[in-house]
N, C-alpha and C. Protein backbone atom coordinates (compact mmCIF):
# COMPACT_ATOMS: atom_id res chain seq x y z
N MET A 1 73.71 -80.91 36.72
CA MET A 1 74.09 -81.40 37.97
C MET A 1 75.32 -80.65 38.54
N PHE A 2 76.20 -80.35 37.68
CA PHE A 2 77.39 -79.58 38.03
C PHE A 2 77.03 -78.18 38.52
N ALA A 3 75.97 -77.60 37.97
CA ALA A 3 75.58 -76.30 38.39
C ALA A 3 75.00 -76.34 39.87
N ILE A 4 74.22 -77.37 40.23
CA ILE A 4 73.71 -77.48 41.52
C ILE A 4 74.84 -77.76 42.53
N TRP A 5 75.85 -78.48 42.20
CA TRP A 5 76.99 -78.70 43.05
C TRP A 5 77.80 -77.35 43.34
N LEU A 6 77.87 -76.55 42.28
CA LEU A 6 78.56 -75.28 42.30
C LEU A 6 77.84 -74.33 43.19
N GLN A 7 76.52 -74.33 43.07
CA GLN A 7 75.73 -73.39 43.93
C GLN A 7 75.84 -73.78 45.36
N SER A 8 75.82 -75.03 45.75
CA SER A 8 75.89 -75.45 47.12
C SER A 8 77.29 -75.21 47.62
N ALA A 9 78.30 -75.31 46.78
CA ALA A 9 79.67 -75.09 47.27
C ALA A 9 79.88 -73.61 47.56
N SER A 10 79.30 -72.77 46.68
CA SER A 10 79.49 -71.32 46.89
C SER A 10 78.67 -70.89 48.07
N GLY A 11 77.57 -71.49 48.31
CA GLY A 11 76.71 -71.15 49.48
C GLY A 11 77.52 -71.43 50.81
N GLY A 12 78.26 -72.56 50.86
CA GLY A 12 79.03 -72.86 52.03
C GLY A 12 80.16 -71.89 52.21
N LEU A 13 80.74 -71.47 51.12
CA LEU A 13 81.92 -70.53 51.16
C LEU A 13 81.32 -69.16 51.60
N GLY A 14 80.06 -68.81 51.19
CA GLY A 14 79.53 -67.52 51.54
C GLY A 14 79.37 -67.36 53.09
N SER A 15 78.95 -68.48 53.77
CA SER A 15 78.70 -68.37 55.15
C SER A 15 80.06 -68.18 55.89
N LEU A 16 81.12 -68.82 55.31
CA LEU A 16 82.48 -68.64 55.90
C LEU A 16 83.01 -67.18 55.70
N GLY A 17 82.56 -66.62 54.54
CA GLY A 17 82.95 -65.18 54.25
C GLY A 17 82.25 -64.19 55.22
N GLY A 18 81.02 -64.58 55.47
CA GLY A 18 80.18 -63.77 56.48
C GLY A 18 80.75 -63.79 57.88
N LEU A 19 81.47 -64.81 58.20
CA LEU A 19 82.18 -64.94 59.52
C LEU A 19 83.42 -64.12 59.54
N ALA A 20 84.06 -64.05 58.39
CA ALA A 20 85.33 -63.40 58.35
C ALA A 20 85.27 -61.91 58.68
N LEU A 21 84.16 -61.18 58.25
CA LEU A 21 84.01 -59.79 58.50
C LEU A 21 83.89 -59.42 59.99
N PRO A 22 83.10 -60.08 60.78
CA PRO A 22 83.12 -59.81 62.19
C PRO A 22 84.49 -60.12 62.93
N VAL A 23 85.11 -61.20 62.52
CA VAL A 23 86.41 -61.50 63.10
C VAL A 23 87.42 -60.40 62.73
N LEU A 24 87.41 -60.00 61.51
CA LEU A 24 88.29 -58.93 61.09
C LEU A 24 87.98 -57.62 61.84
N PHE A 25 86.80 -57.30 61.99
CA PHE A 25 86.40 -56.09 62.77
C PHE A 25 86.87 -56.21 64.24
N PHE A 26 86.75 -57.37 64.89
CA PHE A 26 87.22 -57.49 66.19
C PHE A 26 88.72 -57.33 66.28
N ILE A 27 89.46 -57.90 65.29
CA ILE A 27 90.89 -57.81 65.30
C ILE A 27 91.30 -56.30 65.23
N VAL A 28 90.68 -55.56 64.27
CA VAL A 28 90.92 -54.11 64.06
C VAL A 28 90.64 -53.35 65.32
N LEU A 29 89.45 -53.64 66.00
CA LEU A 29 89.09 -52.99 67.15
C LEU A 29 90.07 -53.22 68.28
N TYR A 30 90.55 -54.48 68.45
CA TYR A 30 91.62 -54.77 69.44
C TYR A 30 92.91 -54.07 69.28
N VAL A 31 93.35 -54.06 68.03
CA VAL A 31 94.64 -53.34 67.71
C VAL A 31 94.57 -51.84 67.87
N LEU A 32 93.47 -51.24 67.53
CA LEU A 32 93.38 -49.77 67.51
C LEU A 32 92.90 -49.20 68.84
N MET A 33 92.11 -50.01 69.59
CA MET A 33 91.55 -49.38 70.78
C MET A 33 91.87 -50.14 72.11
N ILE A 34 91.85 -51.41 72.17
CA ILE A 34 92.04 -52.07 73.36
C ILE A 34 93.51 -52.23 73.75
N LEU A 35 94.34 -52.57 72.79
CA LEU A 35 95.81 -52.69 73.09
C LEU A 35 96.48 -51.43 73.47
N PRO A 36 96.20 -50.29 72.85
CA PRO A 36 96.86 -48.98 73.42
C PRO A 36 96.34 -48.68 74.76
N ASN A 37 95.10 -48.95 75.08
CA ASN A 37 94.54 -48.66 76.39
C ASN A 37 95.22 -49.50 77.44
N GLN A 38 95.46 -50.78 77.10
CA GLN A 38 96.08 -51.65 78.13
C GLN A 38 97.47 -51.15 78.36
N ARG A 39 98.21 -50.73 77.33
CA ARG A 39 99.58 -50.23 77.55
C ARG A 39 99.59 -48.96 78.36
N LYS A 40 98.70 -48.05 78.16
CA LYS A 40 98.53 -46.84 78.91
C LYS A 40 98.24 -47.15 80.39
N GLN A 41 97.23 -48.07 80.59
CA GLN A 41 96.92 -48.44 82.00
C GLN A 41 98.18 -49.05 82.67
N LYS A 42 98.88 -49.90 82.00
CA LYS A 42 100.08 -50.44 82.66
C LYS A 42 101.09 -49.45 83.01
N LYS A 43 101.31 -48.44 82.21
CA LYS A 43 102.29 -47.42 82.37
C LYS A 43 101.85 -46.55 83.56
N TRP A 44 100.52 -46.24 83.67
CA TRP A 44 99.97 -45.45 84.78
C TRP A 44 100.12 -46.18 86.09
N GLN A 45 99.82 -47.52 86.06
CA GLN A 45 100.05 -48.31 87.28
C GLN A 45 101.57 -48.25 87.82
N GLU A 46 102.47 -48.35 86.84
CA GLU A 46 103.91 -48.35 87.19
C GLU A 46 104.21 -46.98 87.79
N MET A 47 103.71 -45.92 87.24
CA MET A 47 103.84 -44.51 87.72
C MET A 47 103.41 -44.43 89.09
N LEU A 48 102.17 -44.93 89.48
CA LEU A 48 101.71 -44.90 90.82
C LEU A 48 102.50 -45.70 91.76
N GLY A 49 103.08 -46.79 91.30
CA GLY A 49 103.88 -47.62 92.22
C GLY A 49 105.25 -47.03 92.56
N GLN A 50 105.68 -46.03 91.74
CA GLN A 50 107.00 -45.36 91.91
C GLN A 50 106.92 -44.01 92.58
N ILE A 51 105.73 -43.66 93.07
CA ILE A 51 105.61 -42.35 93.76
C ILE A 51 106.29 -42.39 95.10
N LYS A 52 107.07 -41.30 95.25
CA LYS A 52 107.84 -41.17 96.54
C LYS A 52 107.72 -39.81 97.18
N SER A 53 108.02 -39.73 98.36
CA SER A 53 107.93 -38.36 99.08
C SER A 53 108.85 -37.37 98.40
N GLY A 54 108.34 -36.22 98.14
CA GLY A 54 109.02 -35.14 97.43
C GLY A 54 108.62 -34.96 95.97
N ASP A 55 107.96 -35.92 95.39
CA ASP A 55 107.53 -35.83 94.04
C ASP A 55 106.37 -34.73 93.95
N ARG A 56 106.39 -34.09 92.83
CA ARG A 56 105.28 -33.12 92.49
C ARG A 56 104.26 -33.87 91.65
N VAL A 57 103.03 -33.71 92.03
CA VAL A 57 102.09 -34.45 91.30
C VAL A 57 100.85 -33.55 90.99
N THR A 58 100.04 -34.03 90.00
CA THR A 58 98.82 -33.38 89.66
C THR A 58 97.74 -34.37 89.70
N THR A 59 96.60 -33.98 90.39
CA THR A 59 95.53 -34.94 90.55
C THR A 59 94.52 -34.80 89.34
N ASN A 60 93.58 -35.73 89.27
CA ASN A 60 92.56 -35.70 88.24
C ASN A 60 91.77 -34.50 88.30
N GLY A 61 91.60 -33.86 89.44
CA GLY A 61 90.90 -32.72 89.61
C GLY A 61 91.62 -31.34 89.31
N GLY A 62 92.91 -31.54 88.97
CA GLY A 62 93.79 -30.36 88.68
C GLY A 62 94.51 -29.82 89.76
N ILE A 63 94.49 -30.39 90.94
CA ILE A 63 95.19 -29.94 92.09
C ILE A 63 96.68 -30.36 92.06
N ARG A 64 97.57 -29.46 92.15
CA ARG A 64 98.95 -29.68 92.15
C ARG A 64 99.62 -29.58 93.57
N GLY A 65 100.41 -30.47 93.89
CA GLY A 65 101.01 -30.49 95.18
C GLY A 65 102.21 -31.33 95.25
N THR A 66 102.89 -31.34 96.41
CA THR A 66 104.11 -32.15 96.68
C THR A 66 103.70 -33.24 97.68
N VAL A 67 104.23 -34.49 97.34
CA VAL A 67 103.93 -35.63 98.10
C VAL A 67 104.69 -35.55 99.47
N LEU A 68 103.97 -35.70 100.57
CA LEU A 68 104.67 -35.69 101.83
C LEU A 68 104.71 -37.17 102.39
N THR A 69 103.62 -37.89 102.27
CA THR A 69 103.70 -39.29 102.76
C THR A 69 102.96 -40.19 101.74
N VAL A 70 103.50 -41.40 101.58
CA VAL A 70 102.90 -42.38 100.72
C VAL A 70 102.43 -43.55 101.59
N LYS A 71 101.13 -43.92 101.51
CA LYS A 71 100.57 -45.04 102.25
C LYS A 71 100.29 -46.08 101.21
N ASP A 72 99.59 -47.22 101.64
CA ASP A 72 99.31 -48.35 100.72
C ASP A 72 98.48 -47.84 99.56
N ASP A 73 97.34 -47.17 99.87
CA ASP A 73 96.44 -46.73 98.82
C ASP A 73 96.17 -45.30 98.72
N SER A 74 96.94 -44.50 99.50
CA SER A 74 96.74 -43.02 99.45
C SER A 74 97.96 -42.25 99.62
N VAL A 75 97.93 -40.99 99.38
CA VAL A 75 99.13 -40.06 99.44
C VAL A 75 98.59 -38.84 100.22
N ILE A 76 99.56 -38.16 100.90
CA ILE A 76 99.23 -36.92 101.48
C ILE A 76 100.08 -35.88 100.79
N LEU A 77 99.34 -34.86 100.28
CA LEU A 77 99.96 -33.78 99.47
C LEU A 77 99.91 -32.47 100.24
N ARG A 78 101.05 -31.65 100.04
CA ARG A 78 101.04 -30.31 100.52
C ARG A 78 100.76 -29.41 99.36
N VAL A 79 99.68 -28.59 99.49
CA VAL A 79 99.27 -27.75 98.44
C VAL A 79 99.61 -26.36 98.74
N GLN A 80 100.19 -25.63 97.80
CA GLN A 80 100.47 -24.25 98.02
C GLN A 80 99.34 -23.33 97.64
N PRO A 81 99.18 -22.12 98.10
CA PRO A 81 100.23 -21.23 98.77
C PRO A 81 100.25 -21.36 100.22
N ASP A 82 99.28 -21.89 100.86
CA ASP A 82 99.18 -21.98 102.35
C ASP A 82 99.77 -23.17 102.98
N GLY A 83 100.18 -24.15 102.16
CA GLY A 83 100.78 -25.38 102.72
C GLY A 83 99.77 -26.28 103.30
N VAL A 84 98.59 -26.31 102.82
CA VAL A 84 97.47 -27.12 103.32
C VAL A 84 97.81 -28.57 102.92
N LYS A 85 97.61 -29.46 103.88
CA LYS A 85 97.80 -30.94 103.60
C LYS A 85 96.41 -31.55 103.24
N LEU A 86 96.43 -32.30 102.08
CA LEU A 86 95.29 -32.97 101.70
C LEU A 86 95.57 -34.44 101.40
N GLU A 87 94.66 -35.30 101.71
CA GLU A 87 94.86 -36.72 101.49
C GLU A 87 94.12 -37.19 100.20
N PHE A 88 94.71 -37.95 99.33
CA PHE A 88 94.16 -38.33 98.14
C PHE A 88 94.38 -39.93 97.93
N VAL A 89 93.43 -40.61 97.36
CA VAL A 89 93.76 -41.95 96.98
C VAL A 89 94.64 -41.95 95.77
N LYS A 90 95.53 -42.96 95.65
CA LYS A 90 96.56 -42.99 94.63
C LYS A 90 95.98 -42.90 93.19
N SER A 91 94.70 -43.53 93.10
CA SER A 91 94.15 -43.54 91.77
C SER A 91 93.65 -42.16 91.29
N ALA A 92 93.68 -41.15 92.16
CA ALA A 92 93.28 -39.78 91.76
C ALA A 92 94.51 -39.01 91.25
N ILE A 93 95.64 -39.61 91.23
CA ILE A 93 96.83 -38.88 90.63
C ILE A 93 96.90 -39.12 89.21
N ALA A 94 96.94 -38.04 88.47
CA ALA A 94 96.99 -38.12 86.93
C ALA A 94 98.44 -38.10 86.41
N ALA A 95 99.33 -37.31 87.04
CA ALA A 95 100.72 -37.18 86.57
C ALA A 95 101.69 -36.88 87.65
N VAL A 96 102.86 -37.42 87.50
CA VAL A 96 103.94 -37.11 88.46
C VAL A 96 105.11 -36.35 87.72
N THR A 97 105.48 -35.26 88.36
CA THR A 97 106.52 -34.49 87.80
C THR A 97 107.70 -34.46 88.82
N THR A 98 108.77 -35.20 88.40
CA THR A 98 109.94 -35.17 89.32
C THR A 98 110.84 -33.98 88.96
N GLU A 99 111.82 -33.79 89.71
CA GLU A 99 112.75 -32.70 89.51
C GLU A 99 113.49 -32.70 88.10
N ASP A 100 113.80 -33.95 87.67
CA ASP A 100 114.56 -34.09 86.40
C ASP A 100 113.79 -34.00 85.16
N GLN A 101 112.43 -33.89 85.25
CA GLN A 101 111.62 -33.76 83.98
C GLN A 101 110.70 -32.63 84.12
N ALA A 102 110.47 -32.01 83.01
CA ALA A 102 109.60 -30.77 83.00
C ALA A 102 108.13 -31.27 82.91
N PRO A 103 107.18 -30.35 83.37
CA PRO A 103 105.80 -30.77 83.31
C PRO A 103 105.34 -30.94 81.89
N ALA A 104 104.36 -31.88 81.72
CA ALA A 104 103.97 -32.12 80.36
C ALA A 104 102.82 -31.21 80.00
């Protein structure tokens, strides 16, 4: 009788152990992938919010230029060598290089 009770108790514990592995996997996934991505996204949003006229920026397409005008959701860049003005949405800006920091 004791052996039957022991088998049923270990069977219940086994199902709890089977649940622990997916929970542990999700926690590791969150810490290694989701959390750093959220931090990077927040930092990028702050960078976009601080763009001002005169900043040098690089777009996702690799175009480098100087910000002339900042609107709600777009910026106008002056691109060298001919001084062509181009309008981009803010989300197309990959990096901002101000005068006090070197390009990355």
